[in-house]
Amino acid sequence: MKGLSLHVIPFSEIQDLGIAERVRKILALILANKIIILHGKLRPEEEARLIEDTMAMVDHIKNFQGIELAVIEPDLKNKGIMMKMRHGIAKRLVGYTGALTLIGPASVVKEIRQDPKKLELMLS
């Protein structure tokens, strides 16, 4: 695909930003037609704000159709209590860095298929 661009964001690059700054940074990249791979996961309130801001922009920006977003996290269902505790403590200390988040403009990303172990990205 001509002009396809992936932008990898390490969690350390956004960990000190507030909700508005994180959302603004992500939307700026999306509006530049970049697919974002975020090492980590947005907090629920940040994800909600991203979706709200995106929906508000759909009618006001030409050719902007919104975003596709998916998160893959480690499956701890069959892990022992100690592993779950370590994961919980690490998440509280350094954030959601065990996850991988994929965000792309809906005009470029046709669909994101997700299962517990992988993400599949279908492009338009």
N, C-alpha and C. Protein backbone atom coordinates (compact mmCIF):
# COMPACT_ATOMS: atom_id res chain seq x y z
N MET A 1 0.84 -1.18 0.00
CA MET A 1 0.00 0.00 0.00
C MET A 1 0.89 1.24 0.00
N LYS A 2 0.65 2.11 -0.92
CA LYS A 2 1.47 3.32 -1.04
C LYS A 2 1.22 4.26 0.14
N GLY A 3 2.30 4.74 0.73
CA GLY A 3 2.20 5.70 1.81
C GLY A 3 1.83 5.12 3.16
N LEU A 4 1.81 3.79 3.28
CA LEU A 4 1.49 3.17 4.56
C LEU A 4 2.62 3.44 5.55
N SER A 5 2.25 3.87 6.73
CA SER A 5 3.24 4.20 7.73
C SER A 5 2.82 3.63 9.08
N LEU A 6 3.76 2.94 9.71
CA LEU A 6 3.55 2.43 11.07
C LEU A 6 4.33 3.31 12.03
N HIS A 7 3.73 3.60 13.14
CA HIS A 7 4.39 4.43 14.15
C HIS A 7 4.36 3.66 15.47
N VAL A 8 5.52 3.27 15.95
CA VAL A 8 5.61 2.53 17.21
C VAL A 8 5.84 3.54 18.34
N ILE A 9 5.01 3.45 19.36
CA ILE A 9 5.13 4.34 20.51
C ILE A 9 5.46 3.50 21.74
N PRO A 10 6.66 3.64 22.28
CA PRO A 10 6.94 2.95 23.54
C PRO A 10 6.14 3.59 24.67
N PHE A 11 5.75 2.79 25.63
CA PHE A 11 4.93 3.30 26.73
C PHE A 11 5.62 4.44 27.46
N SER A 12 6.93 4.39 27.54
CA SER A 12 7.67 5.43 28.24
C SER A 12 7.47 6.81 27.60
N GLU A 13 7.12 6.85 26.32
CA GLU A 13 6.91 8.11 25.62
C GLU A 13 5.60 8.80 26.03
N ILE A 14 4.65 8.02 26.52
CA ILE A 14 3.35 8.62 26.88
C ILE A 14 3.01 8.49 28.35
N GLN A 15 3.84 7.79 29.12
CA GLN A 15 3.47 7.51 30.51
C GLN A 15 3.30 8.75 31.37
N ASP A 16 3.98 9.83 31.08
CA ASP A 16 3.87 11.04 31.89
C ASP A 16 2.85 12.04 31.35
N LEU A 17 2.18 11.71 30.24
CA LEU A 17 1.19 12.61 29.66
C LEU A 17 -0.16 12.41 30.31
N GLY A 18 -0.93 13.48 30.38
CA GLY A 18 -2.30 13.39 30.88
C GLY A 18 -3.21 12.83 29.79
N ILE A 19 -4.48 12.66 30.14
CA ILE A 19 -5.44 12.08 29.19
C ILE A 19 -5.51 12.90 27.90
N ALA A 20 -5.68 14.21 28.03
CA ALA A 20 -5.83 15.06 26.85
C ALA A 20 -4.59 15.01 25.96
N GLU A 21 -3.41 15.02 26.57
CA GLU A 21 -2.18 14.99 25.78
C GLU A 21 -2.00 13.66 25.06
N ARG A 22 -2.32 12.55 25.73
CA ARG A 22 -2.22 11.24 25.08
C ARG A 22 -3.16 11.15 23.89
N VAL A 23 -4.39 11.56 24.10
CA VAL A 23 -5.39 11.50 23.02
C VAL A 23 -4.98 12.41 21.88
N ARG A 24 -4.51 13.60 22.19
CA ARG A 24 -4.08 14.54 21.15
C ARG A 24 -2.93 13.97 20.33
N LYS A 25 -1.96 13.36 20.99
CA LYS A 25 -0.81 12.77 20.31
C LYS A 25 -1.26 11.64 19.37
N ILE A 26 -2.15 10.78 19.86
CA ILE A 26 -2.63 9.66 19.06
C ILE A 26 -3.43 10.17 17.87
N LEU A 27 -4.34 11.11 18.09
CA LEU A 27 -5.16 11.62 17.00
C LEU A 27 -4.33 12.35 15.94
N ALA A 28 -3.29 13.03 16.35
CA ALA A 28 -2.42 13.70 15.37
C ALA A 28 -1.79 12.67 14.43
N LEU A 29 -1.36 11.56 14.99
CA LEU A 29 -0.77 10.51 14.16
C LEU A 29 -1.82 9.84 13.26
N ILE A 30 -3.00 9.61 13.81
CA ILE A 30 -4.09 9.00 13.03
C ILE A 30 -4.47 9.91 11.87
N LEU A 31 -4.57 11.21 12.12
CA LEU A 31 -4.93 12.14 11.05
C LEU A 31 -3.86 12.22 9.97
N ALA A 32 -2.64 11.79 10.30
CA ALA A 32 -1.56 11.72 9.31
C ALA A 32 -1.55 10.34 8.62
N ASN A 33 -2.64 9.57 8.78
CA ASN A 33 -2.81 8.24 8.19
C ASN A 33 -1.75 7.24 8.63
N LYS A 34 -1.36 7.32 9.87
CA LYS A 34 -0.39 6.37 10.42
C LYS A 34 -1.10 5.33 11.26
N ILE A 35 -0.62 4.11 11.18
CA ILE A 35 -1.10 3.05 12.04
C ILE A 35 -0.18 3.03 13.25
N ILE A 36 -0.77 3.08 14.43
CA ILE A 36 0.00 3.18 15.67
C ILE A 36 0.07 1.82 16.35
N ILE A 37 1.28 1.46 16.74
CA ILE A 37 1.49 0.29 17.58
C ILE A 37 1.99 0.84 18.92
N LEU A 38 1.15 0.73 19.92
CA LEU A 38 1.46 1.27 21.24
C LEU A 38 1.87 0.13 22.15
N HIS A 39 3.07 0.21 22.68
CA HIS A 39 3.52 -0.77 23.66
C HIS A 39 2.87 -0.39 24.98
N GLY A 40 1.81 -1.08 25.30
CA GLY A 40 1.03 -0.77 26.49
C GLY A 40 -0.43 -0.64 26.13
N LYS A 41 -1.18 -0.14 27.07
CA LYS A 41 -2.63 -0.04 26.90
C LYS A 41 -3.10 1.28 27.49
N LEU A 42 -4.05 1.88 26.81
CA LEU A 42 -4.67 3.09 27.36
C LEU A 42 -5.57 2.71 28.52
N ARG A 43 -5.67 3.60 29.50
CA ARG A 43 -6.60 3.37 30.59
C ARG A 43 -8.02 3.50 30.04
N PRO A 44 -9.00 2.89 30.68
CA PRO A 44 -10.38 2.95 30.16
C PRO A 44 -10.88 4.37 29.90
N GLU A 45 -10.54 5.32 30.79
CA GLU A 45 -11.00 6.69 30.58
C GLU A 45 -10.30 7.34 29.38
N GLU A 46 -9.06 6.95 29.11
CA GLU A 46 -8.35 7.47 27.94
C GLU A 46 -8.93 6.89 26.65
N GLU A 47 -9.23 5.62 26.68
CA GLU A 47 -9.83 4.98 25.51
C GLU A 47 -11.20 5.60 25.21
N ALA A 48 -11.99 5.84 26.26
CA ALA A 48 -13.30 6.47 26.08
C ALA A 48 -13.14 7.88 25.50
N ARG A 49 -12.19 8.64 26.01
CA ARG A 49 -11.95 10.01 25.50
C ARG A 49 -11.50 9.98 24.05
N LEU A 50 -10.64 9.01 23.69
CA LEU A 50 -10.19 8.86 22.31
C LEU A 50 -11.38 8.59 21.39
N ILE A 51 -12.26 7.71 21.80
CA ILE A 51 -13.44 7.38 20.98
C ILE A 51 -14.37 8.58 20.87
N GLU A 52 -14.61 9.28 21.99
CA GLU A 52 -15.46 10.47 21.96
C GLU A 52 -14.91 11.55 21.03
N ASP A 53 -13.62 11.83 21.16
CA ASP A 53 -13.00 12.86 20.32
C ASP A 53 -13.01 12.45 18.86
N THR A 54 -12.80 11.18 18.60
CA THR A 54 -12.84 10.67 17.23
C THR A 54 -14.22 10.85 16.62
N MET A 55 -15.25 10.47 17.37
CA MET A 55 -16.62 10.60 16.86
C MET A 55 -16.99 12.06 16.60
N ALA A 56 -16.49 12.95 17.43
CA ALA A 56 -16.76 14.38 17.22
C ALA A 56 -16.08 14.89 15.95
N MET A 57 -14.97 14.27 15.57
CA MET A 57 -14.21 14.73 14.40
C MET A 57 -14.73 14.16 13.08
N VAL A 58 -15.47 13.06 13.13
CA VAL A 58 -15.89 12.37 11.91
C VAL A 58 -16.64 13.29 10.95
N ASP A 59 -17.57 14.07 11.44
CA ASP A 59 -18.36 14.94 10.57
C ASP A 59 -17.65 16.24 10.19
N HIS A 60 -16.54 16.56 10.85
CA HIS A 60 -15.91 17.85 10.65
C HIS A 60 -14.62 17.80 9.84
N ILE A 61 -14.07 16.62 9.62
CA ILE A 61 -12.82 16.51 8.86
C ILE A 61 -13.08 15.68 7.62
N LYS A 62 -12.78 16.26 6.48
CA LYS A 62 -13.02 15.59 5.20
C LYS A 62 -12.25 14.27 5.12
N ASN A 63 -12.92 13.23 4.67
CA ASN A 63 -12.37 11.88 4.46
C ASN A 63 -11.94 11.18 5.74
N PHE A 64 -12.30 11.71 6.90
CA PHE A 64 -11.97 11.04 8.14
C PHE A 64 -13.15 10.18 8.54
N GLN A 65 -12.93 8.86 8.63
CA GLN A 65 -14.01 7.91 8.90
C GLN A 65 -13.97 7.35 10.32
N GLY A 66 -13.01 7.77 11.10
CA GLY A 66 -12.90 7.25 12.46
C GLY A 66 -11.67 6.39 12.63
N ILE A 67 -11.68 5.55 13.67
CA ILE A 67 -10.52 4.72 13.97
C ILE A 67 -10.94 3.27 14.17
N GLU A 68 -9.97 2.40 14.05
CA GLU A 68 -10.09 1.01 14.46
C GLU A 68 -9.09 0.82 15.58
N LEU A 69 -9.49 0.13 16.64
CA LEU A 69 -8.65 -0.03 17.82
C LEU A 69 -8.79 -1.45 18.34
N ALA A 70 -7.66 -2.05 18.70
CA ALA A 70 -7.67 -3.38 19.31
C ALA A 70 -6.52 -3.48 20.29
N VAL A 71 -6.72 -4.28 21.33
CA VAL A 71 -5.71 -4.48 22.37
C VAL A 71 -5.51 -5.98 22.56
N ILE A 72 -4.27 -6.38 22.67
CA ILE A 72 -3.97 -7.76 23.01
C ILE A 72 -3.17 -7.75 24.30
N GLU A 73 -3.60 -8.58 25.23
CA GLU A 73 -2.96 -8.65 26.55
C GLU A 73 -2.59 -10.10 26.85
N PRO A 74 -1.64 -10.30 27.75
CA PRO A 74 -1.30 -11.67 28.14
C PRO A 74 -2.51 -12.37 28.74
N ASP A 75 -2.68 -13.63 28.40
CA ASP A 75 -3.77 -14.43 28.94
C ASP A 75 -3.32 -15.05 30.25
N LEU A 76 -3.87 -14.57 31.34
CA LEU A 76 -3.47 -15.05 32.67
C LEU A 76 -4.48 -16.05 33.25
N LYS A 77 -5.44 -16.43 32.43
CA LYS A 77 -6.51 -17.29 32.90
C LYS A 77 -5.99 -18.61 33.49
N ASN A 78 -5.03 -19.23 32.83
CA ASN A 78 -4.52 -20.53 33.28
C ASN A 78 -3.21 -20.41 34.05
N LYS A 79 -2.86 -19.23 34.49
CA LYS A 79 -1.62 -19.00 35.24
C LYS A 79 -1.89 -19.12 36.74
N GLY A 80 -0.83 -19.37 37.47
CA GLY A 80 -0.94 -19.49 38.91
C GLY A 80 -1.17 -18.16 39.59
N ILE A 81 -1.54 -18.24 40.85
CA ILE A 81 -1.84 -17.04 41.63
C ILE A 81 -0.62 -16.12 41.75
N MET A 82 0.58 -16.69 41.85
CA MET A 82 1.78 -15.86 41.97
C MET A 82 2.02 -15.06 40.69
N MET A 83 1.82 -15.68 39.53
CA MET A 83 2.00 -14.98 38.25
C MET A 83 0.97 -13.86 38.12
N LYS A 84 -0.25 -14.12 38.51
CA LYS A 84 -1.30 -13.10 38.45
C LYS A 84 -0.98 -11.94 39.39
N MET A 85 -0.47 -12.25 40.57
CA MET A 85 -0.10 -11.20 41.52
C MET A 85 1.05 -10.35 40.98
N ARG A 86 2.08 -11.01 40.43
CA ARG A 86 3.21 -10.26 39.86
C ARG A 86 2.75 -9.36 38.73
N HIS A 87 1.88 -9.88 37.88
CA HIS A 87 1.36 -9.08 36.76
C HIS A 87 0.57 -7.88 37.29
N GLY A 88 -0.26 -8.10 38.32
CA GLY A 88 -1.05 -7.02 38.90
C GLY A 88 -0.19 -5.95 39.54
N ILE A 89 0.83 -6.37 40.25
CA ILE A 89 1.74 -5.40 40.90
C ILE A 89 2.50 -4.60 39.84
N ALA A 90 3.01 -5.28 38.82
CA ALA A 90 3.74 -4.59 37.75
C ALA A 90 2.83 -3.59 37.03
N LYS A 91 1.58 -3.98 36.81
CA LYS A 91 0.64 -3.09 36.12
C LYS A 91 0.40 -1.83 36.94
N ARG A 92 0.31 -1.98 38.24
CA ARG A 92 0.08 -0.81 39.10
C ARG A 92 1.32 0.08 39.18
N LEU A 93 2.48 -0.52 39.15
CA LEU A 93 3.72 0.25 39.27
C LEU A 93 4.10 0.98 37.99
N VAL A 94 4.05 0.30 36.85
CA VAL A 94 4.54 0.90 35.61
C VAL A 94 3.48 1.06 34.53
N GLY A 95 2.25 0.72 34.81
CA GLY A 95 1.18 0.88 33.82
C GLY A 95 0.92 -0.40 33.04
N TYR A 96 0.16 -0.27 32.00
CA TYR A 96 -0.28 -1.41 31.21
C TYR A 96 0.73 -1.77 30.12
N THR A 97 1.97 -2.00 30.50
CA THR A 97 3.01 -2.24 29.50
C THR A 97 3.03 -3.66 28.97
N GLY A 98 2.30 -4.59 29.57
CA GLY A 98 2.27 -5.96 29.08
C GLY A 98 1.35 -6.13 27.90
N ALA A 99 0.64 -5.11 27.53
CA ALA A 99 -0.32 -5.17 26.43
C ALA A 99 0.28 -4.54 25.18
N LEU A 100 -0.38 -4.78 24.07
CA LEU A 100 -0.02 -4.17 22.80
C LEU A 100 -1.31 -3.61 22.21
N THR A 101 -1.31 -2.33 21.87
CA THR A 101 -2.49 -1.68 21.33
C THR A 101 -2.23 -1.27 19.88
N LEU A 102 -3.18 -1.55 19.03
CA LEU A 102 -3.10 -1.19 17.62
C LEU A 102 -4.23 -0.23 17.32
N ILE A 103 -3.89 0.94 16.78
CA ILE A 103 -4.89 1.96 16.45
C ILE A 103 -4.59 2.46 15.05
N GLY A 104 -5.60 2.50 14.22
CA GLY A 104 -5.39 2.98 12.85
C GLY A 104 -6.60 3.72 12.34
N PRO A 105 -6.40 4.55 11.33
CA PRO A 105 -7.53 5.27 10.73
C PRO A 105 -8.43 4.27 9.99
N ALA A 106 -9.74 4.42 10.14
CA ALA A 106 -10.69 3.50 9.51
C ALA A 106 -10.61 3.56 7.99
N SER A 107 -10.09 4.63 7.43
CA SER A 107 -9.94 4.72 5.98
C SER A 107 -8.81 3.82 5.47
N VAL A 108 -7.89 3.45 6.33
CA VAL A 108 -6.76 2.59 5.96
C VAL A 108 -6.96 1.18 6.49
N VAL A 109 -7.42 1.07 7.73
CA VAL A 109 -7.61 -0.22 8.38
C VAL A 109 -9.05 -0.66 8.15
N LYS A 110 -9.20 -1.72 7.37
CA LYS A 110 -10.54 -2.23 7.09
C LYS A 110 -11.11 -2.96 8.29
N GLU A 111 -10.27 -3.78 8.93
CA GLU A 111 -10.74 -4.58 10.05
C GLU A 111 -9.54 -5.05 10.87
N ILE A 112 -9.76 -5.20 12.16
CA ILE A 112 -8.76 -5.81 13.03
C ILE A 112 -9.42 -7.03 13.65
N ARG A 113 -8.86 -8.20 13.35
CA ARG A 113 -9.35 -9.44 13.95
C ARG A 113 -8.47 -9.74 15.15
N GLN A 114 -9.12 -10.14 16.20
CA GLN A 114 -8.41 -10.29 17.46
C GLN A 114 -8.79 -11.61 18.12
N ASP A 115 -7.78 -12.32 18.61
CA ASP A 115 -8.02 -13.43 19.50
C ASP A 115 -7.00 -13.29 20.62
N PRO A 116 -7.05 -14.14 21.65
CA PRO A 116 -6.17 -13.90 22.80
C PRO A 116 -4.67 -13.88 22.49
N LYS A 117 -4.24 -14.48 21.40
CA LYS A 117 -2.81 -14.59 21.14
C LYS A 117 -2.31 -13.78 19.96
N LYS A 118 -3.18 -13.19 19.17
CA LYS A 118 -2.71 -12.45 18.00
C LYS A 118 -3.72 -11.41 17.53
N LEU A 119 -3.23 -10.47 16.77
CA LEU A 119 -4.04 -9.47 16.09
C LEU A 119 -3.80 -9.62 14.59
N GLU A 120 -4.86 -9.58 13.80
CA GLU A 120 -4.73 -9.58 12.36
C GLU A 120 -5.26 -8.26 11.84
N LEU A 121 -4.49 -7.60 11.03
CA LEU A 121 -4.83 -6.29 10.51
C LEU A 121 -5.16 -6.42 9.03
N MET A 122 -6.39 -6.08 8.63
CA MET A 122 -6.80 -6.08 7.24
C MET A 122 -6.83 -4.64 6.75
N LEU A 123 -6.10 -4.37 5.70
CA LEU A 123 -6.03 -3.01 5.17
C LEU A 123 -6.98 -2.82 4.01
N SER A 124 -7.45 -1.57 3.84
CA SER A 124 -8.36 -1.23 2.73
C SER A 124 -7.63 -1.19 1.43
